[in-house]
N, C-alpha and C. Protein backbone atom coordinates (compact mmCIF):
# COMPACT_ATOMS: atom_id res chain seq x y z
N ALA A 1 0.85 -1.18 0.00
CA ALA A 1 0.00 0.00 0.00
C ALA A 1 0.89 1.23 0.00
N GLU A 2 0.46 2.26 -0.68
CA GLU A 2 1.21 3.50 -0.73
C GLU A 2 0.31 4.64 -0.28
N LEU A 3 0.82 5.44 0.65
CA LEU A 3 0.09 6.59 1.15
C LEU A 3 0.76 7.85 0.64
N ASP A 4 -0.02 8.75 0.08
CA ASP A 4 0.50 9.99 -0.49
C ASP A 4 0.32 11.12 0.52
N PHE A 5 1.42 11.78 0.89
CA PHE A 5 1.38 12.88 1.83
C PHE A 5 1.68 14.21 1.14
N GLY A 6 1.22 14.36 -0.07
CA GLY A 6 1.44 15.60 -0.80
C GLY A 6 2.29 15.36 -2.02
N PRO A 7 2.74 16.43 -2.63
CA PRO A 7 3.43 16.30 -3.91
C PRO A 7 4.84 15.71 -3.82
N CYS A 8 5.42 15.61 -2.62
CA CYS A 8 6.82 15.18 -2.58
C CYS A 8 7.13 14.10 -1.56
N PHE A 9 6.13 13.56 -0.87
CA PHE A 9 6.39 12.62 0.20
C PHE A 9 5.38 11.48 0.16
N THR A 10 5.87 10.25 0.09
CA THR A 10 5.00 9.07 0.12
C THR A 10 5.53 8.07 1.13
N VAL A 11 4.63 7.26 1.66
CA VAL A 11 4.99 6.15 2.54
C VAL A 11 4.50 4.89 1.87
N THR A 12 5.40 3.94 1.67
CA THR A 12 5.03 2.64 1.12
C THR A 12 5.08 1.62 2.24
N ILE A 13 3.96 0.94 2.46
CA ILE A 13 3.89 -0.12 3.47
C ILE A 13 4.05 -1.43 2.71
N HIS A 14 5.12 -2.14 3.04
CA HIS A 14 5.41 -3.38 2.34
C HIS A 14 4.66 -4.53 3.01
N GLU A 15 3.90 -5.27 2.23
CA GLU A 15 3.13 -6.39 2.76
C GLU A 15 4.03 -7.62 2.89
N ASN A 16 3.78 -8.43 3.92
CA ASN A 16 4.51 -9.68 4.10
C ASN A 16 3.94 -10.75 3.17
N GLU A 17 4.80 -11.61 2.67
CA GLU A 17 4.36 -12.67 1.77
C GLU A 17 3.39 -13.63 2.44
N ASN A 18 3.54 -13.85 3.75
CA ASN A 18 2.71 -14.81 4.46
C ASN A 18 1.47 -14.17 5.10
N ASN A 19 1.23 -12.89 4.81
CA ASN A 19 0.09 -12.13 5.35
C ASN A 19 0.13 -11.97 6.87
N GLU A 20 1.26 -12.25 7.52
CA GLU A 20 1.41 -12.01 8.95
C GLU A 20 1.65 -10.51 9.16
N PHE A 21 1.29 -10.03 10.35
CA PHE A 21 1.46 -8.61 10.63
C PHE A 21 2.92 -8.24 10.84
N TRP A 22 3.69 -9.11 11.53
CA TRP A 22 5.11 -8.86 11.80
C TRP A 22 5.95 -9.80 10.96
N PRO A 23 7.08 -9.39 10.51
CA PRO A 23 7.66 -8.05 10.63
C PRO A 23 6.94 -7.06 9.72
N ARG A 24 7.12 -5.78 10.02
CA ARG A 24 6.53 -4.70 9.23
C ARG A 24 7.67 -3.86 8.65
N SER A 25 7.48 -3.40 7.43
CA SER A 25 8.49 -2.50 6.87
C SER A 25 7.81 -1.40 6.06
N TRP A 26 8.47 -0.25 6.07
CA TRP A 26 7.97 0.93 5.39
C TRP A 26 9.14 1.59 4.66
N THR A 27 8.79 2.31 3.61
CA THR A 27 9.75 3.18 2.94
C THR A 27 9.15 4.58 2.88
N PHE A 28 9.88 5.54 3.41
CA PHE A 28 9.49 6.95 3.36
C PHE A 28 10.28 7.56 2.21
N SER A 29 9.58 8.00 1.16
CA SER A 29 10.25 8.51 -0.03
C SER A 29 9.98 9.99 -0.22
N TYR A 30 11.07 10.72 -0.38
CA TYR A 30 11.02 12.15 -0.67
C TYR A 30 11.47 12.27 -2.12
N THR A 31 10.52 12.54 -3.03
CA THR A 31 10.80 12.41 -4.46
C THR A 31 10.95 13.73 -5.19
N ASP A 32 10.79 14.83 -4.50
CA ASP A 32 10.82 16.13 -5.14
C ASP A 32 11.86 16.99 -4.43
N GLU A 33 12.73 17.64 -5.18
CA GLU A 33 13.79 18.45 -4.58
C GLU A 33 13.25 19.63 -3.77
N GLU A 34 11.96 19.88 -3.86
CA GLU A 34 11.33 20.97 -3.11
C GLU A 34 10.60 20.45 -1.87
N CYS A 35 10.88 19.21 -1.43
CA CYS A 35 10.19 18.62 -0.29
C CYS A 35 10.77 19.20 1.00
N VAL A 36 10.06 20.12 1.60
CA VAL A 36 10.52 20.81 2.81
C VAL A 36 9.66 20.34 3.98
N ASP A 37 10.32 19.88 5.07
CA ASP A 37 9.57 19.42 6.24
C ASP A 37 9.16 20.60 7.11
N CYS A 38 8.49 20.30 8.23
CA CYS A 38 7.97 21.36 9.10
C CYS A 38 9.07 22.15 9.81
N PHE A 39 10.32 21.67 9.74
CA PHE A 39 11.45 22.39 10.33
C PHE A 39 12.21 23.20 9.29
N GLY A 40 11.70 23.22 8.04
CA GLY A 40 12.33 23.98 6.97
C GLY A 40 13.50 23.27 6.30
N LYS A 41 13.63 21.97 6.51
CA LYS A 41 14.73 21.20 5.91
C LYS A 41 14.24 20.49 4.65
N THR A 42 15.03 20.60 3.58
CA THR A 42 14.70 19.95 2.32
C THR A 42 15.25 18.53 2.33
N LYS A 43 14.37 17.55 2.09
CA LYS A 43 14.76 16.14 2.11
C LYS A 43 14.58 15.54 0.72
N LEU A 44 15.47 14.60 0.37
CA LEU A 44 15.41 13.92 -0.92
C LEU A 44 15.94 12.51 -0.71
N GLY A 45 15.35 11.53 -1.38
CA GLY A 45 15.77 10.13 -1.25
C GLY A 45 14.79 9.35 -0.41
N SER A 46 15.27 8.21 0.14
CA SER A 46 14.38 7.32 0.88
C SER A 46 14.97 6.89 2.21
N VAL A 47 14.07 6.66 3.17
CA VAL A 47 14.41 6.10 4.47
C VAL A 47 13.61 4.81 4.61
N ASN A 48 14.30 3.71 4.92
CA ASN A 48 13.66 2.41 5.07
C ASN A 48 13.62 2.02 6.53
N VAL A 49 12.47 1.51 6.98
CA VAL A 49 12.29 1.11 8.37
C VAL A 49 11.77 -0.32 8.41
N LEU A 50 12.42 -1.17 9.21
CA LEU A 50 11.98 -2.55 9.43
C LEU A 50 11.77 -2.74 10.92
N LEU A 51 10.58 -3.14 11.32
CA LEU A 51 10.26 -3.41 12.71
C LEU A 51 9.89 -4.88 12.81
N THR A 52 10.63 -5.63 13.63
CA THR A 52 10.43 -7.08 13.70
C THR A 52 9.23 -7.48 14.53
N ASP A 53 8.82 -6.64 15.48
CA ASP A 53 7.72 -6.95 16.39
C ASP A 53 7.30 -5.64 17.05
N PHE A 54 6.21 -5.68 17.80
CA PHE A 54 5.75 -4.50 18.53
C PHE A 54 6.90 -3.99 19.40
N TRP A 55 7.16 -2.68 19.38
CA TRP A 55 8.36 -2.11 19.99
C TRP A 55 8.47 -2.37 21.48
N LYS A 56 7.37 -2.65 22.18
CA LYS A 56 7.42 -2.91 23.61
C LYS A 56 7.73 -4.37 23.94
N ASN A 57 7.80 -5.24 22.93
CA ASN A 57 8.10 -6.66 23.16
C ASN A 57 9.61 -6.89 23.19
N GLU A 58 10.07 -7.58 24.23
CA GLU A 58 11.49 -7.89 24.37
C GLU A 58 12.00 -8.62 23.12
N GLY A 59 13.16 -8.18 22.65
CA GLY A 59 13.77 -8.78 21.47
C GLY A 59 13.36 -8.11 20.16
N SER A 60 12.35 -7.25 20.20
CA SER A 60 11.97 -6.56 18.96
C SER A 60 13.08 -5.58 18.57
N SER A 61 13.20 -5.38 17.27
CA SER A 61 14.20 -4.42 16.82
C SER A 61 13.64 -3.58 15.68
N ARG A 62 14.16 -2.36 15.60
CA ARG A 62 13.83 -1.46 14.52
C ARG A 62 15.14 -1.13 13.82
N THR A 63 15.17 -1.32 12.51
CA THR A 63 16.36 -1.03 11.73
C THR A 63 16.01 0.04 10.70
N ILE A 64 16.83 1.08 10.66
CA ILE A 64 16.60 2.21 9.76
C ILE A 64 17.82 2.33 8.84
N THR A 65 17.57 2.34 7.53
CA THR A 65 18.63 2.52 6.54
C THR A 65 18.23 3.64 5.58
N PHE A 66 19.19 4.14 4.84
CA PHE A 66 18.99 5.28 3.96
C PHE A 66 19.38 4.92 2.53
N ASP A 67 18.55 5.33 1.55
CA ASP A 67 18.86 5.15 0.13
C ASP A 67 18.97 6.51 -0.53
N ASP A 68 20.20 6.90 -0.84
CA ASP A 68 20.46 8.16 -1.51
C ASP A 68 19.68 9.29 -0.84
N PHE A 69 19.74 9.30 0.51
CA PHE A 69 18.97 10.24 1.31
C PHE A 69 19.82 11.45 1.68
N SER A 70 19.22 12.63 1.54
CA SER A 70 19.94 13.86 1.90
C SER A 70 19.00 14.85 2.58
N ILE A 71 19.61 15.69 3.41
CA ILE A 71 18.92 16.79 4.08
C ILE A 71 19.65 18.07 3.69
N ASN A 72 18.95 18.98 3.04
CA ASN A 72 19.56 20.22 2.54
C ASN A 72 20.79 19.95 1.69
N GLY A 73 20.75 18.87 0.91
CA GLY A 73 21.86 18.51 0.02
C GLY A 73 22.98 17.76 0.70
N ASN A 74 22.87 17.49 1.99
CA ASN A 74 23.90 16.78 2.75
C ASN A 74 23.48 15.31 2.90
N LYS A 75 24.32 14.40 2.43
CA LYS A 75 23.97 12.99 2.37
C LYS A 75 24.16 12.27 3.70
N MET A 76 23.17 11.45 4.06
CA MET A 76 23.20 10.63 5.29
C MET A 76 23.28 9.16 4.89
N GLU A 77 24.19 8.42 5.56
CA GLU A 77 24.33 6.98 5.31
C GLU A 77 24.52 6.27 6.64
N GLY A 78 24.31 4.96 6.63
CA GLY A 78 24.52 4.15 7.81
C GLY A 78 23.30 3.32 8.16
N THR A 79 23.44 2.56 9.23
CA THR A 79 22.35 1.71 9.72
C THR A 79 22.12 2.00 11.19
N ARG A 80 20.91 2.40 11.51
CA ARG A 80 20.55 2.68 12.90
C ARG A 80 19.65 1.53 13.37
N THR A 81 19.96 0.99 14.55
CA THR A 81 19.20 -0.12 15.10
C THR A 81 18.79 0.20 16.54
N ILE A 82 17.55 -0.14 16.86
CA ILE A 82 17.04 0.00 18.22
C ILE A 82 16.54 -1.38 18.64
N LEU A 83 17.19 -1.97 19.64
CA LEU A 83 16.86 -3.31 20.11
C LEU A 83 16.23 -3.22 21.49
N ASN A 84 15.06 -3.83 21.67
CA ASN A 84 14.41 -3.89 22.98
C ASN A 84 15.11 -4.98 23.78
N THR A 85 15.77 -4.60 24.86
CA THR A 85 16.53 -5.55 25.68
C THR A 85 15.78 -5.97 26.94
N GLY A 86 14.48 -5.70 26.99
CA GLY A 86 13.64 -6.18 28.08
C GLY A 86 13.65 -5.27 29.30
N PHE A 87 13.14 -5.81 30.39
CA PHE A 87 13.03 -5.05 31.64
C PHE A 87 14.27 -5.25 32.51
N ASN A 88 14.71 -4.17 33.15
CA ASN A 88 15.84 -4.27 34.07
C ASN A 88 15.34 -4.62 35.48
N ASP A 89 16.23 -4.61 36.46
CA ASP A 89 15.87 -4.95 37.85
C ASP A 89 14.85 -4.00 38.45
N LEU A 90 14.78 -2.77 37.93
CA LEU A 90 13.81 -1.79 38.42
C LEU A 90 12.46 -1.91 37.69
N GLN A 91 12.36 -2.91 36.81
CA GLN A 91 11.17 -3.13 35.97
C GLN A 91 10.91 -1.98 35.01
N ASN A 92 12.00 -1.36 34.54
CA ASN A 92 11.92 -0.35 33.49
C ASN A 92 12.35 -0.99 32.19
N LEU A 93 11.67 -0.66 31.10
CA LEU A 93 11.99 -1.18 29.78
C LEU A 93 13.31 -0.58 29.31
N THR A 94 14.17 -1.40 28.69
CA THR A 94 15.48 -0.93 28.24
C THR A 94 15.68 -1.21 26.76
N PHE A 95 16.56 -0.41 26.16
CA PHE A 95 16.85 -0.52 24.73
C PHE A 95 18.35 -0.30 24.51
N GLU A 96 18.85 -0.92 23.46
CA GLU A 96 20.20 -0.62 22.98
C GLU A 96 20.04 0.01 21.60
N ARG A 97 20.58 1.23 21.47
CA ARG A 97 20.50 1.95 20.20
C ARG A 97 21.90 2.05 19.61
N SER A 98 22.04 1.64 18.37
CA SER A 98 23.35 1.73 17.73
C SER A 98 23.20 2.39 16.36
N PHE A 99 24.30 2.98 15.92
CA PHE A 99 24.39 3.57 14.59
C PHE A 99 25.74 3.12 14.05
N VAL A 100 25.76 2.30 13.00
CA VAL A 100 27.01 1.78 12.44
C VAL A 100 27.20 2.29 11.02
N ASP A 101 28.47 2.40 10.64
CA ASP A 101 28.84 2.89 9.31
C ASP A 101 28.14 4.21 8.99
N ALA A 102 27.97 5.04 10.01
CA ALA A 102 27.26 6.31 9.83
C ALA A 102 28.18 7.34 9.17
N SER A 103 27.60 8.11 8.27
CA SER A 103 28.34 9.23 7.69
C SER A 103 27.35 10.32 7.30
N TYR A 104 27.84 11.54 7.38
CA TYR A 104 27.07 12.72 6.99
C TYR A 104 28.00 13.59 6.19
N SER A 105 27.67 13.80 4.92
CA SER A 105 28.52 14.55 4.01
C SER A 105 27.93 15.91 3.72
N LYS A 106 28.75 16.95 3.88
CA LYS A 106 28.36 18.31 3.53
C LYS A 106 28.69 18.52 2.07
N GLY A 107 27.73 18.21 1.22
CA GLY A 107 27.99 18.32 -0.22
C GLY A 107 29.24 17.55 -0.58
N ASP A 108 30.15 18.19 -1.32
CA ASP A 108 31.42 17.57 -1.69
C ASP A 108 32.57 18.08 -0.84
N THR A 109 32.29 18.85 0.21
CA THR A 109 33.36 19.52 0.93
C THR A 109 33.90 18.75 2.13
N ALA A 110 33.05 18.05 2.89
CA ALA A 110 33.53 17.38 4.10
C ALA A 110 32.57 16.26 4.48
N THR A 111 33.13 15.23 5.13
CA THR A 111 32.33 14.11 5.60
C THR A 111 32.72 13.78 7.03
N MET A 112 31.71 13.52 7.85
CA MET A 112 31.93 13.04 9.20
C MET A 112 31.47 11.59 9.23
N THR A 113 32.25 10.72 9.87
CA THR A 113 31.88 9.32 10.02
C THR A 113 31.89 8.97 11.51
N TRP A 114 31.03 8.03 11.92
CA TRP A 114 30.98 7.65 13.33
C TRP A 114 30.24 6.34 13.53
N GLU A 115 30.38 5.83 14.72
CA GLU A 115 29.61 4.70 15.22
C GLU A 115 29.20 5.07 16.63
N SER A 116 28.01 4.64 17.05
CA SER A 116 27.57 4.94 18.40
C SER A 116 26.80 3.79 19.00
N ASN A 117 26.85 3.70 20.31
CA ASN A 117 26.05 2.76 21.08
C ASN A 117 25.52 3.52 22.28
N ARG A 118 24.21 3.49 22.42
CA ARG A 118 23.58 4.13 23.57
C ARG A 118 22.66 3.11 24.24
N TYR A 119 22.57 3.23 25.54
CA TYR A 119 21.73 2.34 26.32
C TYR A 119 20.65 3.21 26.96
N VAL A 120 19.40 2.82 26.76
CA VAL A 120 18.27 3.66 27.11
C VAL A 120 17.36 2.92 28.09
N GLU A 121 16.97 3.61 29.16
CA GLU A 121 16.05 3.07 30.14
C GLU A 121 14.80 3.95 30.13
N MET A 122 13.65 3.35 29.87
CA MET A 122 12.38 4.07 29.87
C MET A 122 11.87 4.10 31.30
N ILE A 123 11.91 5.29 31.93
CA ILE A 123 11.58 5.37 33.35
C ILE A 123 10.15 5.81 33.62
N ALA A 124 9.42 6.25 32.59
CA ALA A 124 8.01 6.64 32.75
C ALA A 124 7.32 6.57 31.40
N GLY A 125 6.00 6.32 31.43
CA GLY A 125 5.20 6.35 30.22
C GLY A 125 4.93 5.00 29.58
N TYR A 126 5.50 3.94 30.13
CA TYR A 126 5.34 2.62 29.52
C TYR A 126 3.87 2.19 29.44
N GLU A 127 3.10 2.54 30.45
CA GLU A 127 1.72 2.05 30.56
C GLU A 127 0.76 2.73 29.60
N THR A 128 1.15 3.85 29.00
CA THR A 128 0.23 4.60 28.15
C THR A 128 0.60 4.47 26.67
N PHE A 129 -0.37 4.78 25.82
CA PHE A 129 -0.16 4.71 24.37
C PHE A 129 0.53 5.96 23.84
N VAL A 130 0.23 7.11 24.43
CA VAL A 130 0.77 8.38 23.94
C VAL A 130 2.24 8.53 24.35
N ALA A 131 3.00 9.21 23.52
CA ALA A 131 4.43 9.41 23.79
C ALA A 131 4.70 10.61 24.69
N ALA A 132 3.71 11.47 24.89
CA ALA A 132 3.93 12.73 25.61
C ALA A 132 4.41 12.53 27.03
N ASP A 133 4.14 11.38 27.63
CA ASP A 133 4.56 11.16 29.02
C ASP A 133 5.77 10.23 29.14
N ASP A 134 6.39 9.88 28.02
CA ASP A 134 7.55 8.99 28.03
C ASP A 134 8.78 9.74 28.55
N GLU A 135 9.53 9.10 29.46
CA GLU A 135 10.75 9.69 30.01
C GLU A 135 11.86 8.64 29.97
N TYR A 136 13.09 9.07 29.71
CA TYR A 136 14.19 8.16 29.48
C TYR A 136 15.47 8.63 30.18
N LEU A 137 16.34 7.65 30.49
CA LEU A 137 17.71 7.89 30.90
C LEU A 137 18.61 7.24 29.85
N VAL A 138 19.68 7.94 29.44
CA VAL A 138 20.54 7.45 28.37
C VAL A 138 21.99 7.46 28.81
N THR A 139 22.72 6.37 28.50
CA THR A 139 24.17 6.30 28.68
C THR A 139 24.76 5.79 27.37
N GLY A 140 26.09 5.72 27.31
CA GLY A 140 26.75 5.22 26.11
C GLY A 140 27.70 6.23 25.53
N GLY A 141 27.90 6.15 24.21
CA GLY A 141 28.80 7.08 23.59
C GLY A 141 28.94 6.85 22.10
N ALA A 142 29.94 7.53 21.51
CA ALA A 142 30.19 7.46 20.08
C ALA A 142 31.66 7.75 19.82
N SER A 143 32.10 7.34 18.65
CA SER A 143 33.45 7.68 18.22
C SER A 143 33.46 7.77 16.70
N GLY A 144 34.41 8.53 16.17
CA GLY A 144 34.48 8.69 14.73
C GLY A 144 35.50 9.71 14.32
N ILE A 145 35.29 10.25 13.11
CA ILE A 145 36.17 11.27 12.53
C ILE A 145 35.28 12.46 12.17
N ASN A 146 35.62 13.66 12.68
CA ASN A 146 34.78 14.83 12.44
C ASN A 146 35.04 15.43 11.07
N PHE A 147 34.34 16.51 10.74
CA PHE A 147 34.44 17.16 9.43
C PHE A 147 35.85 17.67 9.13
N ASP A 148 36.66 17.94 10.17
CA ASP A 148 38.03 18.42 9.97
C ASP A 148 39.04 17.29 9.87
N GLY A 149 38.58 16.03 9.92
CA GLY A 149 39.49 14.89 9.83
C GLY A 149 40.08 14.46 11.16
N ASN A 150 39.59 15.01 12.25
CA ASN A 150 40.10 14.67 13.58
C ASN A 150 39.26 13.58 14.23
N SER A 151 39.93 12.64 14.89
CA SER A 151 39.23 11.58 15.62
C SER A 151 38.55 12.16 16.86
N PHE A 152 37.41 11.58 17.22
CA PHE A 152 36.73 12.00 18.45
C PHE A 152 36.12 10.78 19.14
N THR A 153 35.97 10.92 20.44
CA THR A 153 35.27 9.94 21.27
C THR A 153 34.40 10.71 22.24
N VAL A 154 33.15 10.29 22.35
CA VAL A 154 32.20 10.93 23.26
C VAL A 154 31.66 9.85 24.19
N THR A 155 31.68 10.13 25.49
CA THR A 155 31.13 9.20 26.47
C THR A 155 30.16 9.96 27.36
N ILE A 156 28.98 9.42 27.55
CA ILE A 156 28.01 10.02 28.46
C ILE A 156 28.40 9.57 29.86
N SER A 157 28.99 10.48 30.63
CA SER A 157 29.49 10.11 31.96
C SER A 157 28.40 10.17 33.03
N ASP A 158 27.43 11.05 32.87
CA ASP A 158 26.27 11.12 33.76
C ASP A 158 25.03 10.86 32.89
N GLU A 159 24.16 10.00 33.36
CA GLU A 159 22.97 9.68 32.59
C GLU A 159 22.26 10.93 32.12
N LEU A 160 21.87 10.93 30.85
CA LEU A 160 21.10 12.03 30.30
C LEU A 160 19.61 11.71 30.48
N TYR A 161 18.86 12.68 30.94
CA TYR A 161 17.43 12.53 31.10
C TYR A 161 16.73 13.28 29.98
N TYR A 162 15.73 12.64 29.36
CA TYR A 162 14.89 13.41 28.44
C TYR A 162 13.47 12.89 28.45
N LYS A 163 12.58 13.81 28.13
CA LYS A 163 11.17 13.52 28.04
C LYS A 163 10.81 13.56 26.57
N LYS A 164 10.08 12.56 26.08
CA LYS A 164 9.78 12.41 24.66
C LYS A 164 9.11 13.65 24.07
N CYS A 165 8.05 14.12 24.68
CA CYS A 165 7.32 15.29 24.19
C CYS A 165 6.99 16.19 25.36
N ALA A 166 6.87 17.46 25.06
CA ALA A 166 6.52 18.40 26.14
C ALA A 166 5.04 18.71 26.10
């Protein structure tokens, strides 16, 4: 099935051969060079999403890949994965988020490459359907090469707190 969201953005829902609901996959396609999102960023290309199971089920994973995808002419590549690692000792849902072979190119002038692993604990909002009350703690880090060609390493030394929506 294909859903049309205007002149430059479509979502394709890929059906499973066995008619089962899971896994589910979608392709978000930005087909017009004038496709501007609500933040004023021009997007072009495709983003692919594969979800193996309902995101709250332990072991479910979401994989995001990019096909010739750019934001304001800057190309994004890599594979982002979010794995549900189940409940911790505090009975909070946990996730491992990784980004491998990631790169962001500023036109033809510079490219940044990196890999990251973050560990996420959902400390509020699990019981509700809406995301507005979701709260998280995040640890982990990243490493790579910045736009100037210098190596970097980032480590979250104190848990970061964030609320999904305000």
